N, C-alpha and C. Protein backbone atom coordinates (compact mmCIF):
# COMPACT_ATOMS: atom_id res chain seq x y z
N MET A 1 -83.29 90.42 -1.91
CA MET A 1 -84.35 91.38 -1.52
C MET A 1 -83.50 92.68 -1.08
N TRP A 2 -83.82 93.70 -1.89
CA TRP A 2 -83.21 95.04 -1.75
C TRP A 2 -83.18 95.53 -0.30
N TYR A 3 -84.31 95.28 0.41
CA TYR A 3 -84.30 95.82 1.87
C TYR A 3 -83.40 95.08 2.76
N LEU A 4 -82.94 93.90 2.44
CA LEU A 4 -82.08 93.40 3.33
C LEU A 4 -80.61 94.02 3.13
N HIS A 5 -80.39 94.41 1.95
CA HIS A 5 -79.03 95.14 1.75
C HIS A 5 -79.19 96.53 2.41
N ALA A 6 -80.23 97.15 2.31
CA ALA A 6 -80.46 98.46 3.05
C ALA A 6 -80.32 98.24 4.50
N LEU A 7 -80.83 97.29 4.99
CA LEU A 7 -80.73 97.07 6.54
C LEU A 7 -79.33 96.81 6.78
N ARG A 8 -78.53 96.07 6.13
CA ARG A 8 -77.16 95.82 6.51
C ARG A 8 -76.36 96.97 6.34
N LEU A 9 -76.59 97.95 5.30
CA LEU A 9 -75.80 99.10 5.11
C LEU A 9 -76.17 100.09 6.26
N ARG A 10 -77.50 100.17 6.58
CA ARG A 10 -77.76 101.16 7.71
C ARG A 10 -77.01 100.66 9.11
N GLY A 11 -77.04 99.38 9.32
CA GLY A 11 -76.38 98.68 10.49
C GLY A 11 -75.05 99.12 10.42
N GLU A 12 -74.32 98.96 9.36
CA GLU A 12 -72.85 99.34 9.29
C GLU A 12 -72.46 100.85 9.38
N LEU A 13 -73.45 101.62 8.84
CA LEU A 13 -73.17 103.08 8.82
C LEU A 13 -73.55 103.66 9.98
N GLN A 14 -74.76 103.38 10.57
CA GLN A 14 -75.37 104.04 11.61
C GLN A 14 -75.44 103.33 13.01
N GLY A 15 -75.19 102.00 12.85
CA GLY A 15 -75.02 101.17 14.16
C GLY A 15 -76.39 100.51 14.36
N PRO A 16 -76.45 99.51 15.14
CA PRO A 16 -77.73 98.67 15.22
C PRO A 16 -78.75 99.41 16.22
N ASP A 17 -78.29 100.43 17.04
CA ASP A 17 -79.17 101.15 17.87
C ASP A 17 -79.97 102.34 17.20
N ASP A 18 -79.45 102.66 16.01
CA ASP A 18 -80.01 103.88 15.38
C ASP A 18 -81.46 103.62 14.98
N PRO A 19 -82.30 104.55 15.18
CA PRO A 19 -83.74 104.48 14.79
C PRO A 19 -83.86 104.18 13.23
N GLY A 20 -83.01 104.71 12.48
CA GLY A 20 -83.07 104.38 10.94
C GLY A 20 -82.85 103.01 10.68
N THR A 21 -81.93 102.35 11.45
CA THR A 21 -81.66 100.94 11.28
C THR A 21 -82.88 100.16 11.78
N HIS A 22 -83.50 100.45 12.74
CA HIS A 22 -84.72 99.72 13.25
C HIS A 22 -85.88 99.94 12.21
N GLN A 23 -86.03 101.05 11.62
CA GLN A 23 -86.99 101.37 10.56
C GLN A 23 -86.68 100.42 9.32
N ALA A 24 -85.43 100.33 9.01
CA ALA A 24 -85.03 99.46 7.89
C ALA A 24 -85.39 98.08 8.14
N GLY A 25 -85.15 97.61 9.33
CA GLY A 25 -85.63 96.17 9.71
C GLY A 25 -87.03 95.94 9.58
N ARG A 26 -87.96 96.99 10.01
CA ARG A 26 -89.30 96.86 10.06
C ARG A 26 -89.69 96.92 8.48
N ARG A 27 -89.17 97.72 7.63
CA ARG A 27 -89.47 97.74 6.24
C ARG A 27 -89.14 96.40 5.53
N ALA A 28 -88.01 95.78 5.82
CA ALA A 28 -87.64 94.49 5.28
C ALA A 28 -88.70 93.41 5.79
N TYR A 29 -89.12 93.43 7.11
CA TYR A 29 -90.18 92.59 7.59
C TYR A 29 -91.39 92.79 6.83
N SER A 30 -91.90 94.01 6.73
CA SER A 30 -93.11 94.34 6.09
C SER A 30 -93.20 93.74 4.67
N LEU A 31 -92.13 93.97 3.90
CA LEU A 31 -91.93 93.72 2.56
C LEU A 31 -92.27 92.05 2.50
N TRP A 32 -91.49 91.43 3.38
CA TRP A 32 -91.46 90.04 3.48
C TRP A 32 -92.84 89.33 3.60
N ARG A 33 -93.61 90.13 4.51
CA ARG A 33 -94.85 89.63 4.95
C ARG A 33 -95.88 89.74 3.75
N SER A 34 -95.48 90.60 2.78
CA SER A 34 -96.32 90.74 1.59
C SER A 34 -96.25 89.60 0.59
N PHE A 35 -95.18 88.66 0.69
CA PHE A 35 -94.97 87.72 -0.19
C PHE A 35 -96.05 86.60 0.11
N PRO A 36 -96.25 85.79 -1.03
CA PRO A 36 -97.18 84.66 -0.87
C PRO A 36 -96.46 83.63 0.01
N PRO A 37 -97.16 82.87 0.65
CA PRO A 37 -96.59 81.74 1.67
C PRO A 37 -95.39 81.07 1.20
N ALA A 38 -95.43 80.50 -0.01
CA ALA A 38 -94.25 79.71 -0.65
C ALA A 38 -93.04 80.69 -0.80
N ARG A 39 -93.21 81.84 -1.43
CA ARG A 39 -92.05 82.67 -1.46
C ARG A 39 -91.47 83.26 -0.12
N ALA A 40 -92.60 83.51 0.78
CA ALA A 40 -92.08 83.90 2.26
C ALA A 40 -91.27 82.79 2.92
N LEU A 41 -91.51 81.56 2.71
CA LEU A 41 -90.79 80.52 3.32
C LEU A 41 -89.36 80.52 2.66
N THR A 42 -89.35 80.66 1.38
CA THR A 42 -88.00 80.68 0.70
C THR A 42 -87.08 81.85 1.17
N ALA A 43 -87.66 82.94 1.41
CA ALA A 43 -86.96 84.10 1.80
C ALA A 43 -86.74 84.23 3.38
N ALA A 44 -87.44 83.40 4.13
CA ALA A 44 -87.40 83.55 5.49
C ALA A 44 -86.07 83.48 6.22
N ALA A 45 -85.25 82.49 5.69
CA ALA A 45 -83.98 82.20 6.32
C ALA A 45 -83.00 83.50 6.09
N GLY A 46 -83.03 84.12 4.93
CA GLY A 46 -82.32 85.29 4.68
C GLY A 46 -82.73 86.53 5.56
N LEU A 47 -83.95 86.65 5.68
CA LEU A 47 -84.60 87.71 6.45
C LEU A 47 -84.16 87.40 7.87
N LEU A 48 -84.34 86.32 8.37
CA LEU A 48 -84.06 86.04 9.85
C LEU A 48 -82.55 86.27 10.08
N ALA A 49 -81.79 85.66 9.29
CA ALA A 49 -80.26 85.80 9.50
C ALA A 49 -79.77 87.35 9.39
N THR A 50 -80.32 88.00 8.57
CA THR A 50 -79.99 89.52 8.45
C THR A 50 -80.44 90.18 9.73
N VAL A 51 -81.66 90.08 10.09
CA VAL A 51 -82.18 90.66 11.15
C VAL A 51 -81.45 90.33 12.39
N ASN A 52 -81.16 89.15 12.57
CA ASN A 52 -80.24 88.63 13.74
C ASN A 52 -78.87 89.13 13.82
N ASP A 53 -78.29 89.18 12.62
CA ASP A 53 -77.01 89.86 12.50
C ASP A 53 -76.90 91.29 12.77
N VAL A 54 -77.91 92.05 12.22
CA VAL A 54 -77.85 93.55 12.42
C VAL A 54 -78.55 94.07 13.71
N LEU A 55 -79.77 93.57 13.97
CA LEU A 55 -80.41 94.01 15.05
C LEU A 55 -80.42 93.25 16.34
N GLY A 56 -80.02 91.92 16.14
CA GLY A 56 -79.86 91.11 17.27
C GLY A 56 -80.97 90.13 17.48
N PRO A 57 -80.77 88.91 17.84
CA PRO A 57 -81.89 87.85 17.95
C PRO A 57 -83.03 88.24 18.97
N ALA A 58 -82.63 89.29 19.87
CA ALA A 58 -83.74 89.64 20.92
C ALA A 58 -84.45 90.91 20.44
N SER A 59 -84.17 91.41 19.34
CA SER A 59 -84.80 92.58 18.78
C SER A 59 -86.45 92.27 18.47
N ASP A 60 -87.18 93.51 18.61
CA ASP A 60 -88.61 93.15 18.32
C ASP A 60 -88.87 92.65 16.94
N THR A 61 -87.97 93.13 15.89
CA THR A 61 -88.23 92.57 14.60
C THR A 61 -87.82 91.16 14.41
N ALA A 62 -86.76 90.66 15.18
CA ALA A 62 -86.42 89.32 15.21
C ALA A 62 -87.44 88.49 15.83
N ARG A 63 -88.02 88.87 16.93
CA ARG A 63 -89.06 88.14 17.63
C ARG A 63 -90.34 88.11 16.70
N ARG A 64 -90.61 89.08 16.14
CA ARG A 64 -91.90 89.06 15.14
C ARG A 64 -91.66 88.32 13.96
N THR A 65 -90.40 88.22 13.45
CA THR A 65 -90.16 87.38 12.46
C THR A 65 -90.23 85.85 12.74
N HIS A 66 -89.68 85.61 13.91
CA HIS A 66 -89.82 84.19 14.40
C HIS A 66 -91.26 83.82 14.49
N ARG A 67 -92.13 84.67 15.06
CA ARG A 67 -93.46 84.23 15.09
C ARG A 67 -94.22 84.12 13.83
N ALA A 68 -93.83 85.07 12.93
CA ALA A 68 -94.58 85.01 11.50
C ALA A 68 -94.18 83.78 10.91
N ILE A 69 -92.75 83.30 11.00
CA ILE A 69 -92.42 82.06 10.32
C ILE A 69 -93.19 80.87 10.91
N ALA A 70 -93.32 80.87 12.31
CA ALA A 70 -93.93 79.72 12.88
C ALA A 70 -95.47 79.65 12.44
N ALA A 71 -95.99 80.82 11.94
CA ALA A 71 -97.50 80.84 11.62
C ALA A 71 -97.63 80.56 10.15
N LEU A 72 -96.57 80.42 9.28
CA LEU A 72 -96.79 80.09 7.95
C LEU A 72 -97.57 78.74 7.81
N PRO A 73 -98.41 78.64 6.69
CA PRO A 73 -99.38 77.48 6.72
C PRO A 73 -98.61 76.13 6.29
N ALA A 74 -97.29 76.10 5.89
CA ALA A 74 -96.65 74.80 5.49
C ALA A 74 -95.90 74.44 6.71
N LYS A 75 -95.62 73.03 6.65
CA LYS A 75 -94.62 72.49 7.68
C LYS A 75 -93.21 73.04 7.23
N ASN A 76 -92.55 73.65 8.17
CA ASN A 76 -91.31 74.14 7.81
C ASN A 76 -90.32 74.01 8.91
N SER A 77 -89.12 74.27 8.69
CA SER A 77 -88.02 74.55 9.62
C SER A 77 -87.01 75.48 8.93
N VAL A 78 -86.79 76.75 9.51
CA VAL A 78 -86.10 77.72 8.93
C VAL A 78 -84.90 78.04 9.92
N SER A 79 -83.70 77.83 9.42
CA SER A 79 -82.59 78.23 10.25
C SER A 79 -82.34 79.67 10.16
N ALA A 80 -81.88 80.20 11.25
CA ALA A 80 -81.40 81.69 11.37
C ALA A 80 -80.22 81.91 10.51
N TYR A 81 -79.26 80.87 10.40
CA TYR A 81 -78.10 80.98 9.64
C TYR A 81 -78.14 79.86 8.83
N PRO A 82 -78.74 79.89 7.71
CA PRO A 82 -78.90 78.72 6.85
C PRO A 82 -77.64 78.16 6.13
N THR A 83 -76.62 78.93 6.07
CA THR A 83 -75.37 78.44 5.40
C THR A 83 -74.20 78.42 6.34
N GLY A 84 -74.49 78.58 7.70
CA GLY A 84 -73.50 78.65 8.68
C GLY A 84 -72.82 79.95 8.78
N ALA A 85 -73.52 81.05 8.42
CA ALA A 85 -72.84 82.41 8.37
C ALA A 85 -72.74 83.01 9.78
N GLY A 86 -73.57 82.56 10.64
CA GLY A 86 -73.45 82.97 12.08
C GLY A 86 -72.91 82.17 13.00
N GLY A 87 -72.89 82.50 14.18
CA GLY A 87 -72.33 81.60 15.32
C GLY A 87 -73.23 80.66 15.82
N THR A 88 -74.54 80.77 15.63
CA THR A 88 -75.36 79.74 16.24
C THR A 88 -76.33 79.22 15.21
N THR A 89 -77.10 78.14 15.37
CA THR A 89 -77.87 77.67 14.42
C THR A 89 -79.31 77.54 14.97
N GLU A 90 -80.00 78.68 15.44
CA GLU A 90 -81.24 78.71 15.94
C GLU A 90 -82.27 78.24 14.80
N ALA A 91 -83.34 77.65 15.20
CA ALA A 91 -84.37 77.27 14.22
C ALA A 91 -85.71 77.59 14.69
N VAL A 92 -86.55 77.86 13.74
CA VAL A 92 -87.99 78.13 13.98
C VAL A 92 -88.70 76.88 13.38
N THR A 93 -89.46 76.31 14.12
CA THR A 93 -90.22 75.13 13.43
C THR A 93 -91.79 75.18 13.74
N SER A 94 -92.41 74.91 12.73
CA SER A 94 -93.84 74.89 12.78
C SER A 94 -94.32 73.54 12.17
N GLN A 95 -95.25 72.84 12.91
CA GLN A 95 -95.78 71.66 12.56
C GLN A 95 -97.29 71.65 12.20
N ARG A 96 -97.62 72.55 11.40
CA ARG A 96 -99.01 72.80 10.88
C ARG A 96 -99.37 71.96 9.78
């Protein structure tokens, strides 16, 4: 997803506290929300890992993403770092 690359680039160039970086995070989240549920579930781990890495797990976008993943209509468990790319292995789980 192109918006994830834009978010990482903004984070590297402008820093995680820059308003442009936060806007890039919101754009990536908004695009992800437009996906059908099956595609959203597939892309959720990448979005969550990128948002956590760039904006931090306590950011508004990360918290919003966690809530949206938990609300997906399928049973799921999405790791924030699906391939061990980060230091922790937070997971969001929904049993719907």
